[in-house]
Amino acid sequence: MNEKENSALVQQGYKLFAQGDIPGVLKLMSPDVVWESPKVENVPFSGSFKGQEGVGQFFGALAGALDILKFEPREFIAQGNKVVVLGEGRSRVKGQKEEFDDRWVDVLTVENGKIARYERYGNTAQTERAFRAAR
């Protein structure tokens, strides 16, 4: 696939996520996908997840822990088999009143027409504070 096709695949995944279509998102991934974000204490959707089943567990943990109030991927930058996504969001830990903003960078690797790797970079300190307050 070329850069334009890689970017379109990733954009499709973000659109499906925003629509709540997690099975659709998982279909875009390779069977042995690696899904990583920094491990943050008390944040059940942080760390590494492997394979479509593991990524499904990630999305389940995310849905069980957060109310996502705003999810805005703003820019998709493709080079080679990498697509970098710049975005921002607003969330609330389930059962809490306080909301928090997050600016993030995702780096996705596309291989053989499927998402093979996902890496998230964001404000882990802010996320940790929100979950610490929820305990």
N, C-alpha and C. Protein backbone atom coordinates (compact mmCIF):
# COMPACT_ATOMS: atom_id res chain seq x y z
N MET A 1 0.84 -1.19 0.00
CA MET A 1 0.00 0.00 0.00
C MET A 1 0.89 1.25 0.00
N ASN A 2 0.39 2.31 -0.59
CA ASN A 2 1.14 3.56 -0.58
C ASN A 2 0.71 4.42 0.60
N GLU A 3 1.36 5.56 0.76
CA GLU A 3 1.09 6.42 1.91
C GLU A 3 -0.36 6.89 1.95
N LYS A 4 -0.91 7.22 0.79
CA LYS A 4 -2.30 7.68 0.74
C LYS A 4 -3.26 6.57 1.20
N GLU A 5 -3.01 5.34 0.76
CA GLU A 5 -3.84 4.21 1.17
C GLU A 5 -3.67 3.91 2.66
N ASN A 6 -2.44 4.02 3.17
CA ASN A 6 -2.20 3.80 4.60
C ASN A 6 -2.96 4.82 5.43
N SER A 7 -2.89 6.08 5.01
CA SER A 7 -3.59 7.14 5.73
C SER A 7 -5.10 6.92 5.68
N ALA A 8 -5.63 6.51 4.54
CA ALA A 8 -7.07 6.26 4.41
C ALA A 8 -7.51 5.11 5.33
N LEU A 9 -6.69 4.06 5.43
CA LEU A 9 -7.00 2.93 6.31
C LEU A 9 -7.07 3.40 7.76
N VAL A 10 -6.08 4.17 8.18
CA VAL A 10 -6.06 4.65 9.57
C VAL A 10 -7.23 5.60 9.82
N GLN A 11 -7.51 6.48 8.89
CA GLN A 11 -8.65 7.40 9.05
C GLN A 11 -9.95 6.61 9.18
N GLN A 12 -10.09 5.54 8.41
CA GLN A 12 -11.27 4.69 8.53
C GLN A 12 -11.38 4.11 9.94
N GLY A 13 -10.25 3.66 10.50
CA GLY A 13 -10.26 3.12 11.86
C GLY A 13 -10.70 4.14 12.89
N TYR A 14 -10.22 5.37 12.77
CA TYR A 14 -10.61 6.42 13.72
C TYR A 14 -12.08 6.78 13.57
N LYS A 15 -12.57 6.78 12.34
CA LYS A 15 -13.99 7.06 12.11
C LYS A 15 -14.85 5.95 12.73
N LEU A 16 -14.46 4.70 12.53
CA LEU A 16 -15.21 3.58 13.12
C LEU A 16 -15.20 3.66 14.65
N PHE A 17 -14.05 4.00 15.23
CA PHE A 17 -13.97 4.14 16.69
C PHE A 17 -14.93 5.23 17.17
N ALA A 18 -14.92 6.37 16.49
CA ALA A 18 -15.79 7.48 16.89
C ALA A 18 -17.27 7.09 16.80
N GLN A 19 -17.59 6.16 15.90
CA GLN A 19 -18.97 5.67 15.76
C GLN A 19 -19.28 4.54 16.74
N GLY A 20 -18.28 4.09 17.49
CA GLY A 20 -18.49 3.00 18.44
C GLY A 20 -18.44 1.62 17.82
N ASP A 21 -17.93 1.51 16.60
CA ASP A 21 -17.87 0.23 15.89
C ASP A 21 -16.53 -0.45 16.14
N ILE A 22 -16.37 -1.02 17.32
CA ILE A 22 -15.11 -1.67 17.69
C ILE A 22 -14.86 -2.93 16.85
N PRO A 23 -15.87 -3.76 16.56
CA PRO A 23 -15.61 -4.90 15.67
C PRO A 23 -15.07 -4.44 14.30
N GLY A 24 -15.58 -3.33 13.80
CA GLY A 24 -15.08 -2.79 12.54
C GLY A 24 -13.63 -2.36 12.64
N VAL A 25 -13.26 -1.74 13.76
CA VAL A 25 -11.87 -1.33 13.98
C VAL A 25 -10.98 -2.56 14.01
N LEU A 26 -11.39 -3.58 14.73
CA LEU A 26 -10.56 -4.79 14.86
C LEU A 26 -10.33 -5.48 13.52
N LYS A 27 -11.29 -5.38 12.62
CA LYS A 27 -11.13 -6.00 11.29
C LYS A 27 -10.01 -5.33 10.48
N LEU A 28 -9.64 -4.11 10.84
CA LEU A 28 -8.58 -3.40 10.12
C LEU A 28 -7.19 -3.78 10.62
N MET A 29 -7.11 -4.62 11.66
CA MET A 29 -5.83 -4.96 12.29
C MET A 29 -5.34 -6.33 11.86
N SER A 30 -4.02 -6.44 11.87
CA SER A 30 -3.43 -7.75 11.60
C SER A 30 -3.70 -8.65 12.80
N PRO A 31 -3.73 -9.97 12.61
CA PRO A 31 -4.01 -10.89 13.72
C PRO A 31 -3.01 -10.75 14.87
N ASP A 32 -1.78 -10.35 14.56
CA ASP A 32 -0.75 -10.24 15.61
C ASP A 32 -0.40 -8.79 15.93
N VAL A 33 -1.37 -7.90 15.80
CA VAL A 33 -1.17 -6.48 16.08
C VAL A 33 -0.60 -6.27 17.49
N VAL A 34 0.24 -5.27 17.63
CA VAL A 34 0.78 -4.86 18.93
C VAL A 34 0.24 -3.47 19.23
N TRP A 35 -0.36 -3.31 20.40
CA TRP A 35 -1.05 -2.07 20.78
C TRP A 35 -0.41 -1.58 22.08
N GLU A 36 0.25 -0.43 22.05
CA GLU A 36 1.01 0.01 23.23
C GLU A 36 0.75 1.46 23.60
N SER A 37 0.67 1.67 24.89
CA SER A 37 0.68 3.01 25.47
C SER A 37 1.45 2.90 26.78
N PRO A 38 1.96 4.03 27.28
CA PRO A 38 2.71 3.95 28.53
C PRO A 38 1.86 3.35 29.65
N LYS A 39 2.46 2.49 30.45
CA LYS A 39 1.76 1.88 31.59
C LYS A 39 1.60 2.94 32.67
N VAL A 40 0.35 3.15 33.08
CA VAL A 40 0.04 4.14 34.10
C VAL A 40 -0.70 3.43 35.23
N GLU A 41 -0.22 3.63 36.45
CA GLU A 41 -0.82 2.98 37.61
C GLU A 41 -2.32 3.29 37.70
N ASN A 42 -3.11 2.27 37.96
CA ASN A 42 -4.57 2.36 38.13
C ASN A 42 -5.34 2.69 36.85
N VAL A 43 -4.68 2.66 35.70
CA VAL A 43 -5.37 2.93 34.44
C VAL A 43 -5.46 1.60 33.68
N PRO A 44 -6.64 0.98 33.66
CA PRO A 44 -6.76 -0.39 33.16
C PRO A 44 -6.51 -0.56 31.66
N PHE A 45 -6.56 0.50 30.90
CA PHE A 45 -6.35 0.40 29.46
C PHE A 45 -4.96 0.84 29.03
N SER A 46 -4.04 0.98 29.98
CA SER A 46 -2.67 1.37 29.65
C SER A 46 -1.79 0.13 29.56
N GLY A 47 -0.65 0.28 28.89
CA GLY A 47 0.28 -0.83 28.76
C GLY A 47 0.21 -1.46 27.38
N SER A 48 0.61 -2.71 27.30
CA SER A 48 0.69 -3.43 26.02
C SER A 48 -0.43 -4.46 25.89
N PHE A 49 -0.96 -4.55 24.68
CA PHE A 49 -1.97 -5.53 24.33
C PHE A 49 -1.55 -6.15 23.01
N LYS A 50 -1.73 -7.46 22.88
CA LYS A 50 -1.25 -8.15 21.68
C LYS A 50 -2.39 -8.93 21.02
N GLY A 51 -2.41 -8.88 19.69
CA GLY A 51 -3.41 -9.60 18.92
C GLY A 51 -4.75 -8.89 18.94
N GLN A 52 -5.61 -9.29 18.02
CA GLN A 52 -6.93 -8.67 17.95
C GLN A 52 -7.72 -8.88 19.24
N GLU A 53 -7.57 -10.05 19.86
CA GLU A 53 -8.27 -10.30 21.12
C GLU A 53 -7.77 -9.35 22.21
N GLY A 54 -6.47 -9.17 22.30
CA GLY A 54 -5.90 -8.25 23.29
C GLY A 54 -6.36 -6.82 23.06
N VAL A 55 -6.40 -6.40 21.80
CA VAL A 55 -6.85 -5.04 21.50
C VAL A 55 -8.34 -4.91 21.82
N GLY A 56 -9.10 -5.97 21.61
CA GLY A 56 -10.50 -5.97 22.02
C GLY A 56 -10.63 -5.76 23.53
N GLN A 57 -9.72 -6.39 24.30
CA GLN A 57 -9.71 -6.20 25.76
C GLN A 57 -9.36 -4.75 26.10
N PHE A 58 -8.42 -4.16 25.35
CA PHE A 58 -8.09 -2.74 25.55
C PHE A 58 -9.34 -1.89 25.40
N PHE A 59 -10.07 -2.07 24.30
CA PHE A 59 -11.26 -1.26 24.06
C PHE A 59 -12.33 -1.50 25.12
N GLY A 60 -12.46 -2.74 25.60
CA GLY A 60 -13.39 -3.03 26.68
C GLY A 60 -13.01 -2.31 27.96
N ALA A 61 -11.72 -2.33 28.29
CA ALA A 61 -11.23 -1.63 29.49
C ALA A 61 -11.42 -0.13 29.36
N LEU A 62 -11.16 0.40 28.17
CA LEU A 62 -11.35 1.83 27.92
C LEU A 62 -12.81 2.22 28.14
N ALA A 63 -13.72 1.47 27.53
CA ALA A 63 -15.15 1.77 27.66
C ALA A 63 -15.64 1.62 29.09
N GLY A 64 -15.05 0.69 29.84
CA GLY A 64 -15.46 0.49 31.22
C GLY A 64 -14.92 1.52 32.18
N ALA A 65 -13.89 2.26 31.76
CA ALA A 65 -13.22 3.19 32.67
C ALA A 65 -13.49 4.66 32.37
N LEU A 66 -13.75 4.99 31.11
CA LEU A 66 -13.86 6.40 30.72
C LEU A 66 -15.16 6.70 29.99
N ASP A 67 -15.64 7.90 30.21
CA ASP A 67 -16.66 8.50 29.34
C ASP A 67 -15.87 9.43 28.43
N ILE A 68 -15.86 9.14 27.15
CA ILE A 68 -15.14 9.99 26.19
C ILE A 68 -16.11 11.06 25.72
N LEU A 69 -15.81 12.30 26.07
CA LEU A 69 -16.70 13.41 25.78
C LEU A 69 -16.35 14.09 24.46
N LYS A 70 -15.08 14.05 24.10
CA LYS A 70 -14.62 14.63 22.84
C LYS A 70 -13.47 13.77 22.33
N PHE A 71 -13.53 13.42 21.06
CA PHE A 71 -12.47 12.65 20.42
C PHE A 71 -12.25 13.26 19.05
N GLU A 72 -11.12 13.96 18.89
CA GLU A 72 -10.88 14.70 17.65
C GLU A 72 -9.49 14.43 17.10
N PRO A 73 -9.38 13.45 16.19
CA PRO A 73 -8.13 13.35 15.45
C PRO A 73 -8.07 14.54 14.49
N ARG A 74 -6.99 15.30 14.56
CA ARG A 74 -6.92 16.56 13.81
C ARG A 74 -6.09 16.48 12.55
N GLU A 75 -5.07 15.65 12.58
CA GLU A 75 -4.16 15.61 11.44
C GLU A 75 -3.61 14.21 11.27
N PHE A 76 -3.53 13.76 10.04
CA PHE A 76 -2.98 12.45 9.69
C PHE A 76 -1.77 12.70 8.79
N ILE A 77 -0.62 12.21 9.22
CA ILE A 77 0.63 12.43 8.48
C ILE A 77 1.20 11.06 8.14
N ALA A 78 1.31 10.77 6.85
CA ALA A 78 1.79 9.47 6.41
C ALA A 78 3.17 9.59 5.79
N GLN A 79 4.04 8.67 6.17
CA GLN A 79 5.35 8.54 5.55
C GLN A 79 5.73 7.06 5.57
N GLY A 80 5.97 6.52 4.39
CA GLY A 80 6.25 5.10 4.31
C GLY A 80 5.09 4.30 4.86
N ASN A 81 5.38 3.35 5.74
CA ASN A 81 4.31 2.54 6.31
C ASN A 81 3.82 3.07 7.66
N LYS A 82 4.22 4.28 8.02
CA LYS A 82 3.79 4.90 9.29
C LYS A 82 2.75 5.97 9.02
N VAL A 83 1.77 6.04 9.92
CA VAL A 83 0.80 7.14 9.91
C VAL A 83 0.79 7.72 11.32
N VAL A 84 1.07 9.01 11.41
CA VAL A 84 1.07 9.72 12.69
C VAL A 84 -0.23 10.51 12.76
N VAL A 85 -0.92 10.38 13.90
CA VAL A 85 -2.19 11.08 14.09
C VAL A 85 -2.04 12.02 15.28
N LEU A 86 -2.33 13.29 15.04
CA LEU A 86 -2.31 14.30 16.09
C LEU A 86 -3.76 14.59 16.47
N GLY A 87 -4.05 14.57 17.76
CA GLY A 87 -5.43 14.79 18.15
C GLY A 87 -5.57 15.28 19.58
N GLU A 88 -6.80 15.48 19.94
CA GLU A 88 -7.11 15.90 21.31
C GLU A 88 -8.46 15.35 21.71
N GLY A 89 -8.65 15.31 23.01
CA GLY A 89 -9.91 14.79 23.52
C GLY A 89 -10.23 15.33 24.89
N ARG A 90 -11.40 14.97 25.35
CA ARG A 90 -11.85 15.32 26.69
C ARG A 90 -12.56 14.09 27.23
N SER A 91 -12.22 13.72 28.46
CA SER A 91 -12.78 12.50 29.05
C SER A 91 -13.12 12.73 30.50
N ARG A 92 -13.84 11.76 31.05
CA ARG A 92 -14.18 11.75 32.47
C ARG A 92 -14.08 10.30 32.94
N VAL A 93 -13.42 10.10 34.05
CA VAL A 93 -13.40 8.77 34.65
C VAL A 93 -14.83 8.44 35.05
N LYS A 94 -15.29 7.24 34.71
CA LYS A 94 -16.68 6.85 35.00
C LYS A 94 -17.00 7.05 36.48
N GLY A 95 -18.15 7.63 36.72
CA GLY A 95 -18.60 7.86 38.08
C GLY A 95 -18.05 9.11 38.73
N GLN A 96 -17.23 9.87 38.01
CA GLN A 96 -16.64 11.09 38.56
C GLN A 96 -17.23 12.31 37.85
N LYS A 97 -17.06 13.47 38.46
CA LYS A 97 -17.57 14.71 37.86
C LYS A 97 -16.49 15.44 37.07
N GLU A 98 -15.26 15.36 37.54
CA GLU A 98 -14.19 16.14 36.92
C GLU A 98 -13.80 15.57 35.56
N GLU A 99 -13.65 16.48 34.61
CA GLU A 99 -13.24 16.12 33.26
C GLU A 99 -11.78 16.51 33.07
N PHE A 100 -11.13 15.85 32.11
CA PHE A 100 -9.75 16.24 31.80
C PHE A 100 -9.53 16.22 30.30
N ASP A 101 -8.68 17.13 29.85
CA ASP A 101 -8.33 17.24 28.44
C ASP A 101 -7.05 16.46 28.18
N ASP A 102 -6.91 16.02 26.95
CA ASP A 102 -5.73 15.26 26.57
C ASP A 102 -5.38 15.58 25.13
N ARG A 103 -4.15 15.99 24.91
CA ARG A 103 -3.60 16.10 23.56
C ARG A 103 -2.73 14.88 23.37
N TRP A 104 -2.81 14.26 22.19
CA TRP A 104 -2.11 13.00 22.00
C TRP A 104 -1.53 12.89 20.59
N VAL A 105 -0.58 11.97 20.50
CA VAL A 105 0.03 11.60 19.23
C VAL A 105 -0.01 10.08 19.16
N ASP A 106 -0.58 9.57 18.09
CA ASP A 106 -0.59 8.12 17.85
C ASP A 106 0.28 7.83 16.65
N VAL A 107 1.06 6.77 16.73
CA VAL A 107 1.88 6.33 15.60
C VAL A 107 1.43 4.91 15.25
N LEU A 108 0.93 4.76 14.03
CA LEU A 108 0.45 3.45 13.57
C LEU A 108 1.32 2.96 12.43
N THR A 109 1.59 1.67 12.44
CA THR A 109 2.36 1.03 11.39
C THR A 109 1.42 0.13 10.60
N VAL A 110 1.44 0.29 9.29
CA VAL A 110 0.59 -0.51 8.41
C VAL A 110 1.47 -1.50 7.65
N GLU A 111 1.09 -2.76 7.70
CA GLU A 111 1.80 -3.81 6.97
C GLU A 111 0.77 -4.69 6.27
N ASN A 112 1.00 -4.94 4.99
CA ASN A 112 0.11 -5.81 4.20
C ASN A 112 -1.35 -5.39 4.28
N GLY A 113 -1.59 -4.08 4.28
CA GLY A 113 -2.96 -3.58 4.27
C GLY A 113 -3.69 -3.65 5.59
N LYS A 114 -2.98 -3.90 6.68
CA LYS A 114 -3.59 -3.99 8.01
C LYS A 114 -2.77 -3.17 9.01
N ILE A 115 -3.42 -2.72 10.06
CA ILE A 115 -2.71 -2.03 11.14
C ILE A 115 -1.97 -3.09 11.95
N ALA A 116 -0.64 -2.97 11.98
CA ALA A 116 0.19 -3.97 12.64
C ALA A 116 0.71 -3.50 13.99
N ARG A 117 0.75 -2.18 14.19
CA ARG A 117 1.29 -1.64 15.44
C ARG A 117 0.65 -0.29 15.72
N TYR A 118 0.39 -0.05 17.01
CA TYR A 118 -0.16 1.22 17.47
C TYR A 118 0.64 1.65 18.69
N GLU A 119 1.05 2.90 18.71
CA GLU A 119 1.75 3.46 19.87
C GLU A 119 1.12 4.81 20.19
N ARG A 120 0.77 5.02 21.46
CA ARG A 120 0.16 6.29 21.88
C ARG A 120 1.13 7.07 22.76
N TYR A 121 1.16 8.37 22.53
CA TYR A 121 1.96 9.29 23.33
C TYR A 121 1.02 10.42 23.77
N GLY A 122 0.93 10.65 25.07
CA GLY A 122 0.03 11.68 25.58
C GLY A 122 0.46 12.10 26.97
N ASN A 123 -0.41 12.83 27.62
CA ASN A 123 -0.15 13.37 28.94
C ASN A 123 -0.51 12.32 30.00
N THR A 124 0.43 11.43 30.28
CA THR A 124 0.15 10.36 31.23
C THR A 124 -0.04 10.88 32.66
N ALA A 125 0.63 11.99 33.00
CA ALA A 125 0.50 12.54 34.35
C ALA A 125 -0.94 13.00 34.59
N GLN A 126 -1.53 13.61 33.60
CA GLN A 126 -2.90 14.09 33.73
C GLN A 126 -3.87 12.91 33.87
N THR A 127 -3.66 11.88 33.08
CA THR A 127 -4.51 10.69 33.17
C THR A 127 -4.36 10.02 34.53
N GLU A 128 -3.13 9.91 35.01
CA GLU A 128 -2.87 9.30 36.32
C GLU A 128 -3.58 10.09 37.43
N ARG A 129 -3.51 11.42 37.37
CA ARG A 129 -4.19 12.25 38.38
C ARG A 129 -5.69 12.00 38.37
N ALA A 130 -6.28 11.90 37.19
CA ALA A 130 -7.73 11.70 37.10
C ALA A 130 -8.12 10.35 37.71
N PHE A 131 -7.33 9.31 37.46
CA PHE A 131 -7.66 8.00 38.01
C PHE A 131 -7.32 7.90 39.49
N ARG A 132 -6.30 8.60 39.94
CA ARG A 132 -5.97 8.61 41.36
C ARG A 132 -7.11 9.29 42.14
N ALA A 133 -7.66 10.35 41.60
CA ALA A 133 -8.77 11.05 42.26
C ALA A 133 -10.02 10.18 42.31
N ALA A 134 -10.14 9.25 41.39
CA ALA A 134 -11.34 8.39 41.32
C ALA A 134 -11.29 7.25 42.32
N ARG A 135 -10.12 6.96 42.91
CA ARG A 135 -10.02 5.83 43.85
C ARG A 135 -10.74 6.09 45.12
